[in-house]
C-alpha atoms as a PDB file:
ATOM      1  CA  MET A   1       0.000   0.000   0.000  1.00  0.00           C
ATOM      2  CA  PRO A   2       1.554   3.357  -0.981  1.00  0.00           C
ATOM      3  CA  VAL A   3       2.060   5.962   1.725  1.00  0.00           C
ATOM      4  CA  ARG A   4      -0.151   8.983   1.165  1.00  0.00           C
ATOM      5  CA  ASN A   5       1.130  12.372   2.147  1.00  0.00           C
ATOM      6  CA  TRP A   6      -0.980  15.079   3.751  1.00  0.00           C
ATOM      7  CA  LEU A   7       0.085  18.554   4.645  1.00  0.00           C
ATOM      8  CA  ALA A   8      -2.197  20.309   7.080  1.00  0.00           C
ATOM      9  CA  ALA A   9      -2.183  23.821   8.458  1.00  0.00           C
ATOM     10  CA  LEU A  10      -4.615  25.658  10.686  1.00  0.00           C
ATOM     11  CA  SER A  11      -5.016  29.388  11.060  1.00  0.00           C
ATOM     12  CA  ALA A  12      -6.001  30.359  14.580  1.00  0.00           C
ATOM     13  CA  CYS A  13      -8.056  33.423  15.230  1.00  0.00           C
ATOM     14  CA  GLY A  14      -8.975  34.749  18.651  1.00  0.00           C
ATOM     15  CA  VAL A  15     -11.893  36.994  19.410  1.00  0.00           C
ATOM     16  CA  ALA A  16     -12.228  38.565  22.829  1.00  0.00           C
ATOM     17  CA  LEU A  17     -15.654  39.521  24.055  1.00  0.00           C
ATOM     18  CA  CYS A  18     -15.842  42.982  25.501  1.00  0.00           C
ATOM     19  CA  GLY A  19     -18.249  43.344  28.393  1.00  0.00           C
ATOM     20  CA  CYS A  20     -18.334  47.110  28.069  1.00  0.00           C
ATOM     21  CA  PRO A  21     -19.125  49.840  25.510  1.00  0.00           C
ATOM     22  CA  ALA A  22     -16.539  50.096  22.745  1.00  0.00           C
ATOM     23  CA  ALA A  23     -15.728  53.672  23.729  1.00  0.00           C
ATOM     24  CA  ALA A  24     -14.655  52.674  27.228  1.00  0.00           C
ATOM     25  CA  GLN A  25     -11.110  51.416  26.608  1.00  0.00           C
ATOM     26  CA  SER A  26     -11.265  48.537  29.115  1.00  0.00           C
ATOM     27  CA  THR A  27     -12.072  44.934  28.364  1.00  0.00           C
ATOM     28  CA  ASN A  28     -13.259  42.155  30.607  1.00  0.00           C
ATOM     29  CA  VAL A  29     -11.490  39.360  28.744  1.00  0.00           C
ATOM     30  CA  ARG A  30      -8.798  39.039  26.124  1.00  0.00           C
ATOM     31  CA  ILE A  31      -6.939  36.256  24.356  1.00  0.00           C
ATOM     32  CA  SER A  32      -3.519  36.728  22.799  1.00  0.00           C
ATOM     33  CA  GLY A  33      -0.615  34.610  21.680  1.00  0.00           C
ATOM     34  CA  LEU A  34      -2.448  32.594  19.039  1.00  0.00           C
ATOM     35  CA  THR A  35      -0.432  31.673  15.975  1.00  0.00           C
ATOM     36  CA  ASP A  36      -1.015  29.632  12.851  1.00  0.00           C
ATOM     37  CA  LEU A  37      -0.202  25.977  13.448  1.00  0.00           C
ATOM     38  CA  ALA A  38       1.227  23.652  10.820  1.00  0.00           C
ATOM     39  CA  PHE A  39       0.698  19.945  11.266  1.00  0.00           C
ATOM     40  CA  GLY A  40       3.202  19.207   8.540  1.00  0.00           C
ATOM     41  CA  SER A  41       3.214  15.940   6.675  1.00  0.00           C
ATOM     42  CA  LEU A  42       0.834  13.358   8.127  1.00  0.00           C
ATOM     43  CA  THR A  43       2.285   9.920   7.585  1.00  0.00           C
ATOM     44  CA  GLY A  44       0.524   7.869  10.248  1.00  0.00           C
ATOM     45  CA  GLY A  45      -0.430   8.006  13.884  1.00  0.00           C
ATOM     46  CA  ASP A  46      -2.027  10.862  15.769  1.00  0.00           C
ATOM     47  CA  VAL A  47      -0.509  14.314  15.302  1.00  0.00           C
ATOM     48  CA  VAL A  48      -0.854  16.728  18.229  1.00  0.00           C
ATOM     49  CA  ARG A  49      -0.065  20.426  18.164  1.00  0.00           C
ATOM     50  CA  SER A  50      -0.402  22.666  21.182  1.00  0.00           C
ATOM     51  CA  GLU A  51       0.402  26.224  21.999  1.00  0.00           C
ATOM     52  CA  ASN A  52       0.388  28.302  25.116  1.00  0.00           C
ATOM     53  CA  VAL A  53      -1.873  31.328  24.981  1.00  0.00           C
ATOM     54  CA  CYS A  54      -2.664  34.247  27.236  1.00  0.00           C
ATOM     55  CA  VAL A  55      -6.249  34.568  28.432  1.00  0.00           C
ATOM     56  CA  PHE A  56      -6.823  37.577  30.661  1.00  0.00           C
ATOM     57  CA  SER A  57      -9.994  38.204  32.632  1.00  0.00           C
ATOM     58  CA  SER A  58     -10.600  41.316  34.695  1.00  0.00           C
ATOM     59  CA  THR A  59     -13.781  39.949  36.256  1.00  0.00           C
ATOM     60  CA  GLY A  60     -13.844  39.591  40.038  1.00  0.00           C
ATOM     61  CA  THR A  61     -13.358  35.831  39.776  1.00  0.00           C
ATOM     62  CA  LYS A  62     -10.930  35.998  36.802  1.00  0.00           C
ATOM     63  CA  GLY A  63     -13.466  33.695  35.164  1.00  0.00           C
ATOM     64  CA  TYR A  64     -14.053  33.150  31.480  1.00  0.00           C
ATOM     65  CA  ARG A  65     -15.650  30.757  29.004  1.00  0.00           C
ATOM     66  CA  VAL A  66     -14.240  29.609  25.681  1.00  0.00           C
ATOM     67  CA  THR A  67     -16.286  28.776  22.585  1.00  0.00           C
ATOM     68  CA  ALA A  68     -14.665  27.374  19.447  1.00  0.00           C
ATOM     69  CA  SER A  69     -15.884  27.208  15.873  1.00  0.00           C
ATOM     70  CA  GLY A  70     -14.194  25.728  12.853  1.00  0.00           C
ATOM     71  CA  SER A  71     -14.346  26.577   9.177  1.00  0.00           C
ATOM     72  CA  GLY A  72     -16.182  23.371   8.254  1.00  0.00           C
ATOM     73  CA  ALA A  73     -19.893  22.889   7.584  1.00  0.00           C
ATOM     74  CA  SER A  74     -21.949  23.929  10.633  1.00  0.00           C
ATOM     75  CA  ASN A  75     -18.693  25.278  12.153  1.00  0.00           C
ATOM     76  CA  ALA A  76     -17.167  21.782  12.334  1.00  0.00           C
ATOM     77  CA  PHE A  77     -13.501  21.342  13.171  1.00  0.00           C
ATOM     78  CA  THR A  78     -12.321  20.294   9.729  1.00  0.00           C
ATOM     79  CA  LEU A  79      -9.528  21.177   7.364  1.00  0.00           C
ATOM     80  CA  ALA A  80     -10.365  21.312   3.659  1.00  0.00           C
ATOM     81  CA  ASN A  81      -8.676  20.488   0.396  1.00  0.00           C
ATOM     82  CA  GLY A  82     -11.194  21.364  -2.298  1.00  0.00           C
ATOM     83  CA  GLY A  83     -14.186  19.121  -1.550  1.00  0.00           C
ATOM     84  CA  ALA A  84     -12.188  16.777   0.717  1.00  0.00           C
ATOM     85  CA  THR A  85     -12.184  17.328   4.468  1.00  0.00           C
ATOM     86  CA  LEU A  86      -9.999  16.193   7.329  1.00  0.00           C
ATOM     87  CA  PRO A  87     -11.466  16.383  10.857  1.00  0.00           C
ATOM     88  CA  TYR A  88      -9.454  17.467  13.884  1.00  0.00           C
ATOM     89  CA  GLU A  89     -10.147  17.692  17.594  1.00  0.00           C
ATOM     90  CA  VAL A  90      -9.847  20.785  19.764  1.00  0.00           C
ATOM     91  CA  GLN A  91      -9.025  20.639  23.452  1.00  0.00           C
ATOM     92  CA  TRP A  92      -8.621  23.432  25.997  1.00  0.00           C
ATOM     93  CA  ASN A  93      -6.696  23.498  29.244  1.00  0.00           C
ATOM     94  CA  LYS A  94      -6.807  26.512  31.567  1.00  0.00           C
ATOM     95  CA  LEU A  95      -3.195  25.779  32.572  1.00  0.00           C
ATOM     96  CA  SER A  96      -0.069  26.381  30.478  1.00  0.00           C
ATOM     97  CA  ASN A  97       2.227  23.714  29.040  1.00  0.00           C
ATOM     98  CA  GLN A  98      -0.374  20.952  28.913  1.00  0.00           C
ATOM     99  CA  THR A  99      -0.622  18.058  26.453  1.00  0.00           C
ATOM    100  CA  SER A 100      -4.302  17.283  26.988  1.00  0.00           C
ATOM    101  CA  GLY A 101      -7.412  19.139  28.005  1.00  0.00           C
ATOM    102  CA  THR A 102     -11.185  19.226  27.851  1.00  0.00           C
ATOM    103  CA  GLY A 103     -12.581  18.454  24.407  1.00  0.00           C
ATOM    104  CA  LEU A 104     -14.501  21.315  22.805  1.00  0.00           C
ATOM    105  CA  THR A 105     -17.638  20.982  20.700  1.00  0.00           C
ATOM    106  CA  PRO A 106     -18.299  23.554  17.961  1.00  0.00           C
ATOM    107  CA  ASN A 107     -20.366  26.511  19.228  1.00  0.00           C
ATOM    108  CA  ILE A 108     -20.721  25.072  22.763  1.00  0.00           C
ATOM    109  CA  ALA A 109     -19.091  27.132  25.512  1.00  0.00           C
ATOM    110  CA  LEU A 110     -16.701  25.530  27.958  1.00  0.00           C
ATOM    111  CA  THR A 111     -17.548  27.417  31.134  1.00  0.00           C
ATOM    112  CA  GLY A 112     -15.961  27.688  34.555  1.00  0.00           C
ATOM    113  CA  GLN A 113     -12.452  28.569  33.388  1.00  0.00           C
ATOM    114  CA  THR A 114     -10.219  30.842  35.485  1.00  0.00           C
ATOM    115  CA  SER A 115      -7.171  32.779  34.384  1.00  0.00           C
ATOM    116  CA  THR A 116      -3.855  33.213  36.170  1.00  0.00           C
ATOM    117  CA  ALA A 117      -2.861  36.142  33.925  1.00  0.00           C
ATOM    118  CA  THR A 118      -2.095  39.400  35.690  1.00  0.00           C
ATOM    119  CA  GLN A 119      -1.642  41.468  32.502  1.00  0.00           C
ATOM    120  CA  GLN A 120      -3.748  41.589  29.329  1.00  0.00           C
ATOM    121  CA  GLN A 121      -0.966  40.151  27.150  1.00  0.00           C
ATOM    122  CA  CYS A 122       0.939  38.208  29.831  1.00  0.00           C
ATOM    123  CA  ASN A 123       3.879  40.598  29.480  1.00  0.00           C
ATOM    124  CA  SER A 124       4.543  40.395  33.229  1.00  0.00           C
ATOM    125  CA  GLY A 125       3.548  37.710  35.668  1.00  0.00           C
ATOM    126  CA  PRO A 126       2.929  34.347  34.007  1.00  0.00           C
ATOM    127  CA  THR A 127       3.921  34.375  30.323  1.00  0.00           C
ATOM    128  CA  SER A 128       0.845  32.325  29.406  1.00  0.00           C
ATOM    129  CA  SER A 129      -2.332  31.183  31.095  1.00  0.00           C
ATOM    130  CA  GLY A 130      -3.786  28.377  28.999  1.00  0.00           C
ATOM    131  CA  THR A 131      -3.119  25.747  26.355  1.00  0.00           C
ATOM    132  CA  LEU A 132      -4.875  25.169  23.045  1.00  0.00           C
ATOM    133  CA  ILE A 133      -4.458  21.557  21.897  1.00  0.00           C
ATOM    134  CA  LEU A 134      -5.280  20.335  18.364  1.00  0.00           C
ATOM    135  CA  ILE A 135      -5.269  16.704  17.296  1.00  0.00           C
ATOM    136  CA  ILE A 136      -5.533  15.014  13.918  1.00  0.00           C
ATOM    137  CA  ARG A 137      -6.187  11.342  14.538  1.00  0.00           C
ATOM    138  CA  GLY A 138      -4.184   8.899  12.442  1.00  0.00           C
ATOM    139  CA  THR A 139      -7.367   7.038  11.508  1.00  0.00           C
ATOM    140  CA  SER A 140      -8.867  10.237  10.071  1.00  0.00           C
ATOM    141  CA  ALA A 141      -5.687  11.100   8.185  1.00  0.00           C
ATOM    142  CA  SER A 142      -5.385   7.642   6.662  1.00  0.00           C
ATOM    143  CA  ALA A 143      -8.989   7.812   5.415  1.00  0.00           C
ATOM    144  CA  ALA A 144      -8.520  11.243   3.788  1.00  0.00           C
ATOM    145  CA  ALA A 145      -7.338  11.875   0.239  1.00  0.00           C
ATOM    146  CA  GLY A 146      -3.759  13.078  -0.067  1.00  0.00           C
ATOM    147  CA  GLY A 147      -3.163  16.782  -0.549  1.00  0.00           C
ATOM    148  CA  ASN A 148      -2.764  20.117   1.216  1.00  0.00           C
ATOM    149  CA  TYR A 149      -5.441  20.883   3.797  1.00  0.00           C
ATOM    150  CA  ALA A 150      -6.153  24.178   5.537  1.00  0.00           C
ATOM    151  CA  GLY A 151      -8.781  25.678   7.791  1.00  0.00           C
ATOM    152  CA  THR A 152      -9.542  28.307  10.404  1.00  0.00           C
ATOM    153  CA  LEU A 153     -10.356  27.908  14.067  1.00  0.00           C
ATOM    154  CA  THR A 154     -12.042  30.815  15.846  1.00  0.00           C
ATOM    155  CA  LEU A 155     -11.981  31.085  19.638  1.00  0.00           C
ATOM    156  CA  LEU A 156     -14.468  33.343  21.382  1.00  0.00           C
ATOM    157  CA  ILE A 157     -13.598  34.218  24.976  1.00  0.00           C
ATOM    158  CA  GLY A 158     -16.384  35.549  27.190  1.00  0.00           C
ATOM    159  CA  PRO A 159     -16.365  36.857  30.774  1.00  0.00           C
ATOM    160  CA  GLU A 160     -17.869  34.926  33.664  1.00  0.00           C
END
């Protein structure tokens, strides 16, 4: 059986929810530190990519919720190559430097998160306050047609 090659990349986009009028320069929550993630060539087995991010919450409890949506049909977490799709999983951990977390479902908020960030962009205090984890399962990759896949993941952070 020939080895198929897949190249996958995901653009990450963060959207902070402001709990105040736009004119008032303060925000209740903010996410920063997101970058585009390349999965590279998928040749078998699960491929995991994670990155530390900064989530800041100025609420009294430092609480926030995270809602994710993908660029697939009905906001599914899929990468696309023309009409072909490749699913991926999204996990969130409210701690930095983690390799696993709570699985996210498109458009369903993960509530009850708390931030350790002391600055809006983690430029003093902890350098990050959460981990975004993305997984392409080997079984999904082996079932997909070869080619270059891309997609967008949007994270919406709301105050709690």
